[in-house]
Structures are given as C-alpha cells and as structure tokens.
PDB file of N, CA and C in Angstrom:
ATOM      1  N   MET A   1      95.294 134.823 123.856  1.00  0.00           N
ATOM      2  CA  MET A   1      96.027 135.255 124.975  1.00  0.00           C
ATOM      3  C   MET A   1      96.437 136.768 124.724  1.00  0.00           C
ATOM      4  N   GLY A   2      96.493 137.434 125.999  1.00  0.00           N
ATOM      5  CA  GLY A   2      96.838 138.886 125.866  1.00  0.00           C
ATOM      6  C   GLY A   2      97.755 139.322 127.135  1.00  0.00           C
ATOM      7  N   THR A   3      97.872 140.446 127.379  1.00  0.00           N
ATOM      8  CA  THR A   3      98.536 141.081 128.457  1.00  0.00           C
ATOM      9  C   THR A   3      97.703 141.743 129.417  1.00  0.00           C
ATOM     10  N   GLN A   4      97.802 141.513 130.585  1.00  0.00           N
ATOM     11  CA  GLN A   4      97.025 142.188 131.709  1.00  0.00           C
ATOM     12  C   GLN A   4      97.515 143.615 131.823  1.00  0.00           C
ATOM     13  N   VAL A   5      96.641 144.656 131.731  1.00  0.00           N
ATOM     14  CA  VAL A   5      96.858 145.976 131.743  1.00  0.00           C
ATOM     15  C   VAL A   5      96.124 146.650 132.927  1.00  0.00           C
ATOM     16  N   MET A   6      96.755 147.460 133.679  1.00  0.00           N
ATOM     17  CA  MET A   6      96.065 148.157 134.811  1.00  0.00           C
ATOM     18  C   MET A   6      96.316 149.670 134.471  1.00  0.00           C
ATOM     19  N   VAL A   7      95.240 150.432 134.582  1.00  0.00           N
ATOM     20  CA  VAL A   7      95.311 151.852 134.222  1.00  0.00           C
ATOM     21  C   VAL A   7      95.037 152.635 135.593  1.00  0.00           C
ATOM     22  N   TYR A   8      95.944 153.527 135.907  1.00  0.00           N
ATOM     23  CA  TYR A   8      95.923 154.327 137.153  1.00  0.00           C
ATOM     24  C   TYR A   8      95.830 155.806 136.769  1.00  0.00           C
ATOM     25  N   GLU A   9      94.812 156.427 137.347  1.00  0.00           N
ATOM     26  CA  GLU A   9      94.616 157.947 137.073  1.00  0.00           C
ATOM     27  C   GLU A   9      95.284 158.707 138.285  1.00  0.00           C
ATOM     28  N   LYS A  10      96.197 159.678 137.798  1.00  0.00           N
ATOM     29  CA  LYS A  10      96.821 160.514 138.879  1.00  0.00           C
ATOM     30  C   LYS A  10      95.797 161.520 139.161  1.00  0.00           C
ATOM     31  N   LEU A  11      95.384 161.637 140.347  1.00  0.00           N
ATOM     32  CA  LEU A  11      94.388 162.534 140.787  1.00  0.00           C
ATOM     33  C   LEU A  11      95.029 163.952 141.081  1.00  0.00           C
ATOM     34  N   LYS A  12      94.266 165.004 141.144  1.00  0.00           N
ATOM     35  CA  LYS A  12      94.737 166.417 141.488  1.00  0.00           C
ATOM     36  C   LYS A  12      95.596 166.387 142.704  1.00  0.00           C
ATOM     37  N   ASN A  13      95.224 165.581 143.769  1.00  0.00           N
ATOM     38  CA  ASN A  13      95.917 165.709 144.952  1.00  0.00           C
ATOM     39  C   ASN A  13      97.230 164.770 145.016  1.00  0.00           C
ATOM     40  N   GLY A  14      97.470 164.093 143.797  1.00  0.00           N
ATOM     41  CA  GLY A  14      98.733 163.382 143.677  1.00  0.00           C
ATOM     42  C   GLY A  14      98.474 161.893 143.950  1.00  0.00           C
ATOM     43  N   GLU A  15      97.305 161.482 144.393  1.00  0.00           N
ATOM     44  CA  GLU A  15      97.156 160.097 144.697  1.00  0.00           C
ATOM     45  C   GLU A  15      96.815 159.362 143.421  1.00  0.00           C
ATOM     46  N   LEU A  16      97.033 158.011 143.402  1.00  0.00           N
ATOM     47  CA  LEU A  16      96.681 157.254 142.163  1.00  0.00           C
ATOM     48  C   LEU A  16      95.419 156.314 142.521  1.00  0.00           C
ATOM     49  N   SER A  17      94.668 156.346 141.491  1.00  0.00           N
ATOM     50  CA  SER A  17      93.352 155.570 141.628  1.00  0.00           C
ATOM     51  C   SER A  17      93.311 154.460 140.424  1.00  0.00           C
ATOM     52  N   CYS A  18      93.177 153.308 140.593  1.00  0.00           N
ATOM     53  CA  CYS A  18      93.107 152.282 139.519  1.00  0.00           C
ATOM     54  C   CYS A  18      91.710 152.410 138.959  1.00  0.00           C
ATOM     55  N   ILE A  19      91.548 152.818 137.700  1.00  0.00           N
ATOM     56  CA  ILE A  19      90.334 153.028 136.996  1.00  0.00           C
ATOM     57  C   ILE A  19      89.950 151.924 135.992  1.00  0.00           C
ATOM     58  N   ASP A  20      90.892 150.976 135.660  1.00  0.00           N
ATOM     59  CA  ASP A  20      90.614 149.950 134.709  1.00  0.00           C
ATOM     60  C   ASP A  20      91.662 148.854 134.906  1.00  0.00           C
ATOM     61  N   GLU A  21      91.184 147.611 134.793  1.00  0.00           N
ATOM     62  CA  GLU A  21      92.072 146.451 134.758  1.00  0.00           C
ATOM     63  C   GLU A  21      91.402 145.401 133.755  1.00  0.00           C
ATOM     64  N   ARG A  22      92.056 145.129 132.743  1.00  0.00           N
ATOM     65  CA  ARG A  22      91.633 144.088 131.831  1.00  0.00           C
ATOM     66  C   ARG A  22      92.744 143.607 130.954  1.00  0.00           C
ATOM     67  N   THR A  23      92.430 142.593 130.188  1.00  0.00           N
ATOM     68  CA  THR A  23      93.575 141.914 129.331  1.00  0.00           C
ATOM     69  C   THR A  23      93.378 142.547 127.943  1.00  0.00           C
ATOM     70  N   TRP A  24      94.568 143.001 127.416  1.00  0.00           N
ATOM     71  CA  TRP A  24      94.605 143.744 126.173  1.00  0.00           C
ATOM     72  C   TRP A  24      95.270 142.761 125.050  1.00  0.00           C
ATOM     73  N   SER A  25      94.775 142.835 123.906  1.00  0.00           N
ATOM     74  CA  SER A  25      95.347 141.983 122.843  1.00  0.00           C
ATOM     75  C   SER A  25      96.640 142.618 122.485  1.00  0.00           C
ATOM     76  N   THR A  26      97.474 141.718 121.725  1.00  0.00           N
ATOM     77  CA  THR A  26      98.694 142.257 121.130  1.00  0.00           C
ATOM     78  C   THR A  26      98.516 143.436 120.224  1.00  0.00           C
ATOM     79  N   GLU A  27      97.477 143.417 119.452  1.00  0.00           N
ATOM     80  CA  GLU A  27      97.065 144.377 118.384  1.00  0.00           C
ATOM     81  C   GLU A  27      96.924 145.756 119.273  1.00  0.00           C
ATOM     82  N   LEU A  28      96.112 145.749 120.335  1.00  0.00           N
ATOM     83  CA  LEU A  28      95.807 146.903 121.155  1.00  0.00           C
ATOM     84  C   LEU A  28      97.011 147.450 121.674  1.00  0.00           C
ATOM     85  N   LEU A  29      97.833 146.521 122.238  1.00  0.00           N
ATOM     86  CA  LEU A  29      99.102 147.022 122.889  1.00  0.00           C
ATOM     87  C   LEU A  29     100.040 147.693 121.888  1.00  0.00           C
ATOM     88  N   GLY A  30      99.947 147.214 120.688  1.00  0.00           N
ATOM     89  CA  GLY A  30     100.856 147.732 119.614  1.00  0.00           C
ATOM     90  C   GLY A  30     100.428 149.218 119.228  1.00  0.00           C
ATOM     91  N   LEU A  31      99.080 149.530 119.442  1.00  0.00           N
ATOM     92  CA  LEU A  31      98.590 150.835 119.173  1.00  0.00           C
ATOM     93  C   LEU A  31      99.134 151.926 120.169  1.00  0.00           C
ATOM     94  N   LEU A  32      99.569 151.431 121.201  1.00  0.00           N
ATOM     95  CA  LEU A  32     100.266 152.517 122.205  1.00  0.00           C
ATOM     96  C   LEU A  32     101.284 153.158 121.678  1.00  0.00           C
ATOM     97  N   ASN A  33     101.976 152.624 120.538  1.00  0.00           N
ATOM     98  CA  ASN A  33     102.949 153.495 119.937  1.00  0.00           C
ATOM     99  C   ASN A  33     102.433 154.670 119.116  1.00  0.00           C
ATOM    100  N   TYR A  34     101.259 154.717 118.921  1.00  0.00           N
ATOM    101  CA  TYR A  34     100.703 155.754 118.049  1.00  0.00           C
ATOM    102  C   TYR A  34      99.642 156.625 118.605  1.00  0.00           C
ATOM    103  N   THR A  35      99.416 156.453 120.012  1.00  0.00           N
ATOM    104  CA  THR A  35      98.316 157.246 120.631  1.00  0.00           C
ATOM    105  C   THR A  35      98.901 157.916 121.786  1.00  0.00           C
ATOM    106  N   ASN A  36      98.292 158.937 122.161  1.00  0.00           N
ATOM    107  CA  ASN A  36      98.637 159.663 123.391  1.00  0.00           C
ATOM    108  C   ASN A  36      97.429 159.742 124.386  1.00  0.00           C
ATOM    109  N   TYR A  37      96.179 159.382 123.886  1.00  0.00           N
ATOM    110  CA  TYR A  37      95.100 159.463 124.698  1.00  0.00           C
ATOM    111  C   TYR A  37      94.249 158.168 124.551  1.00  0.00           C
ATOM    112  N   LEU A  38      93.397 157.899 125.663  1.00  0.00           N
ATOM    113  CA  LEU A  38      92.534 156.719 125.522  1.00  0.00           C
ATOM    114  C   LEU A  38      91.263 157.075 126.295  1.00  0.00           C
ATOM    115  N   THR A  39      90.216 156.316 125.985  1.00  0.00           N
ATOM    116  CA  THR A  39      88.909 156.452 126.672  1.00  0.00           C
ATOM    117  C   THR A  39      88.557 155.197 127.383  1.00  0.00           C
ATOM    118  N   ILE A  40      88.075 155.461 128.578  1.00  0.00           N
ATOM    119  CA  ILE A  40      87.626 154.414 129.429  1.00  0.00           C
ATOM    120  C   ILE A  40      86.293 154.921 129.939  1.00  0.00           C
ATOM    121  N   ASN A  41      85.204 154.078 129.861  1.00  0.00           N
ATOM    122  CA  ASN A  41      83.911 154.485 130.360  1.00  0.00           C
ATOM    123  C   ASN A  41      83.467 155.830 129.834  1.00  0.00           C
ATOM    124  N   GLU A  42      83.745 156.031 128.595  1.00  0.00           N
ATOM    125  CA  GLU A  42      83.444 157.370 127.953  1.00  0.00           C
ATOM    126  C   GLU A  42      84.107 158.626 128.538  1.00  0.00           C
ATOM    127  N   GLN A  43      85.101 158.300 129.177  1.00  0.00           N
ATOM    128  CA  GLN A  43      85.984 159.461 129.732  1.00  0.00           C
ATOM    129  C   GLN A  43      87.359 159.374 129.066  1.00  0.00           C
ATOM    130  N   GLU A  44      87.878 160.611 128.716  1.00  0.00           N
ATOM    131  CA  GLU A  44      89.152 160.655 127.917  1.00  0.00           C
ATOM    132  C   GLU A  44      90.216 161.046 128.953  1.00  0.00           C
ATOM    133  N   TYR A  45      91.354 160.301 128.760  1.00  0.00           N
ATOM    134  CA  TYR A  45      92.532 160.411 129.491  1.00  0.00           C
ATOM    135  C   TYR A  45      93.771 160.563 128.766  1.00  0.00           C
ATOM    136  N   GLU A  46      94.743 161.304 129.194  1.00  0.00           N
ATOM    137  CA  GLU A  46      95.940 161.407 128.547  1.00  0.00           C
ATOM    138  C   GLU A  46      97.036 160.515 129.174  1.00  0.00           C
ATOM    139  N   MET A  47      97.676 159.758 128.307  1.00  0.00           N
ATOM    140  CA  MET A  47      98.683 158.845 128.877  1.00  0.00           C
ATOM    141  C   MET A  47     100.015 159.457 129.264  1.00  0.00           C
ATOM    142  N   ILE A  48     100.491 159.284 130.400  1.00  0.00           N
ATOM    143  CA  ILE A  48     101.666 159.943 130.938  1.00  0.00           C
ATOM    144  C   ILE A  48     102.879 159.046 130.831  1.00  0.00           C
ATOM    145  N   GLU A  49     102.738 157.845 131.279  1.00  0.00           N
ATOM    146  CA  GLU A  49     103.836 156.852 131.193  1.00  0.00           C
ATOM    147  C   GLU A  49     103.328 155.444 131.322  1.00  0.00           C
ATOM    148  N   GLY A  50     104.122 154.488 131.035  1.00  0.00           N
ATOM    149  CA  GLY A  50     103.814 153.146 131.354  1.00  0.00           C
ATOM    150  C   GLY A  50     105.091 152.406 131.921  1.00  0.00           C
ATOM    151  N   ARG A  51     104.785 151.135 132.510  1.00  0.00           N
ATOM    152  CA  ARG A  51     105.852 150.404 133.072  1.00  0.00           C
ATOM    153  C   ARG A  51     105.304 148.971 133.134  1.00  0.00           C
ATOM    154  N   ILE A  52     106.281 148.171 133.165  1.00  0.00           N
ATOM    155  CA  ILE A  52     106.038 146.654 133.387  1.00  0.00           C
ATOM    156  C   ILE A  52     106.288 146.291 134.853  1.00  0.00           C
ATOM    157  N   ASN A  53     105.197 145.816 135.518  1.00  0.00           N
ATOM    158  CA  ASN A  53     105.426 145.322 136.916  1.00  0.00           C
ATOM    159  C   ASN A  53     105.743 143.920 136.884  1.00  0.00           C
ATOM    160  N   VAL A  54     106.968 143.517 137.012  1.00  0.00           N
ATOM    161  CA  VAL A  54     107.444 142.115 136.873  1.00  0.00           C
ATOM    162  C   VAL A  54     106.885 141.323 137.943  1.00  0.00           C
ATOM    163  N   ASP A  55     106.843 141.932 139.125  1.00  0.00           N
ATOM    164  CA  ASP A  55     106.269 141.057 140.336  1.00  0.00           C
ATOM    165  C   ASP A  55     104.839 140.683 140.084  1.00  0.00           C
ATOM    166  N   LYS A  56     103.947 141.570 139.552  1.00  0.00           N
ATOM    167  CA  LYS A  56     102.619 141.268 139.284  1.00  0.00           C
ATOM    168  C   LYS A  56     102.250 140.745 137.904  1.00  0.00           C
ATOM    169  N   GLU A  57     103.330 140.815 137.001  1.00  0.00           N
ATOM    170  CA  GLU A  57     103.270 140.366 135.588  1.00  0.00           C
ATOM    171  C   GLU A  57     102.146 141.126 134.873  1.00  0.00           C
ATOM    172  N   VAL A  58     102.203 142.450 135.072  1.00  0.00           N
ATOM    173  CA  VAL A  58     101.134 143.234 134.396  1.00  0.00           C
ATOM    174  C   VAL A  58     101.749 144.591 133.934  1.00  0.00           C
ATOM    175  N   MET A  59     101.227 145.094 132.908  1.00  0.00           N
ATOM    176  CA  MET A  59     101.687 146.564 132.433  1.00  0.00           C
ATOM    177  C   MET A  59     100.756 147.433 133.149  1.00  0.00           C
ATOM    178  N   GLU A  60     101.295 148.533 133.637  1.00  0.00           N
ATOM    179  CA  GLU A  60     100.626 149.611 134.292  1.00  0.00           C
ATOM    180  C   GLU A  60     100.792 150.971 133.573  1.00  0.00           C
ATOM    181  N   LEU A  61      99.639 151.605 133.231  1.00  0.00           N
ATOM    182  CA  LEU A  61      99.757 152.841 132.570  1.00  0.00           C
ATOM    183  C   LEU A  61      99.247 153.968 133.472  1.00  0.00           C
ATOM    184  N   LEU A  62      99.898 155.088 133.467  1.00  0.00           N
ATOM    185  CA  LEU A  62      99.509 156.278 134.337  1.00  0.00           C
ATOM    186  C   LEU A  62      98.922 157.207 133.373  1.00  0.00           C
ATOM    187  N   VAL A  63      97.728 157.731 133.788  1.00  0.00           N
ATOM    188  CA  VAL A  63      96.914 158.670 132.981  1.00  0.00           C
ATOM    189  C   VAL A  63      96.454 159.896 133.830  1.00  0.00           C
ATOM    190  N   VAL A  64      96.086 160.949 133.097  1.00  0.00           N
ATOM    191  CA  VAL A  64      95.533 162.052 133.828  1.00  0.00           C
ATOM    192  C   VAL A  64      94.243 162.317 132.995  1.00  0.00           C
ATOM    193  N   SER A  65      93.241 162.892 133.729  1.00  0.00           N
ATOM    194  CA  SER A  65      92.028 163.221 132.951  1.00  0.00           C
ATOM    195  C   SER A  65      92.315 164.360 131.899  1.00  0.00           C
ATOM    196  N   ALA A  66      91.783 164.088 130.681  1.00  0.00           N
ATOM    197  CA  ALA A  66      91.970 165.170 129.635  1.00  0.00           C
ATOM    198  C   ALA A  66      91.069 166.356 129.837  1.00  0.00           C
ATOM    199  N   GLN A  67      90.165 166.212 130.844  1.00  0.00           N
ATOM    200  CA  GLN A  67      89.176 167.387 131.053  1.00  0.00           C
ATOM    201  C   GLN A  67      89.615 168.255 132.084  1.00  0.00           C
ATOM    202  N   ARG A  68      90.934 168.170 132.473  1.00  0.00           N
ATOM    203  CA  ARG A  68      91.521 169.060 133.536  1.00  0.00           C
ATOM    204  C   ARG A  68      91.557 170.438 132.931  1.00  0.00           C
ATOM    205  N   PRO A  69      91.290 171.486 133.752  1.00  0.00           N
ATOM    206  CA  PRO A  69      91.368 172.880 133.344  1.00  0.00           C
ATOM    207  C   PRO A  69      92.803 173.322 133.022  1.00  0.00           C
TER     208      PRO A  69
END
C-alpha cells in the first residue's frame, strides 16, 4: 500500500498542469525530506511545495521546470 501523489507543474504563465499521478511507497515519500529536485519522464523539476488534499485523499506537489532560464 502507498500514498497517491499528484505532481503539478507551475507554468511560466502561472497556470498549473498535472504532469504525473501515481502511488508512492512510504520509502519514496520519506525521501522528500532529503531532496529538492525530482525527475519525471527524464525531465528535471524543482519542488516548490507540497500539501495534503484531504478531500481527494492525495498528496499534491508543486514543481517548476529546472530547465528554466
């Protein structure tokens, strides 16, 4: 069993785009304490913040592209 995690990218125009949704293991969630960046589909993102959405029972992470100028 794990935790449902949704990753949202904040785009340059300020809009949010859901770029990933999957179940994370407890071990993977624990690594959030030690990391600032993550990769999804070979793209690197900087993690900005996270929150628990109680209504949807998911963890939501906000990221921005690490390739921004």
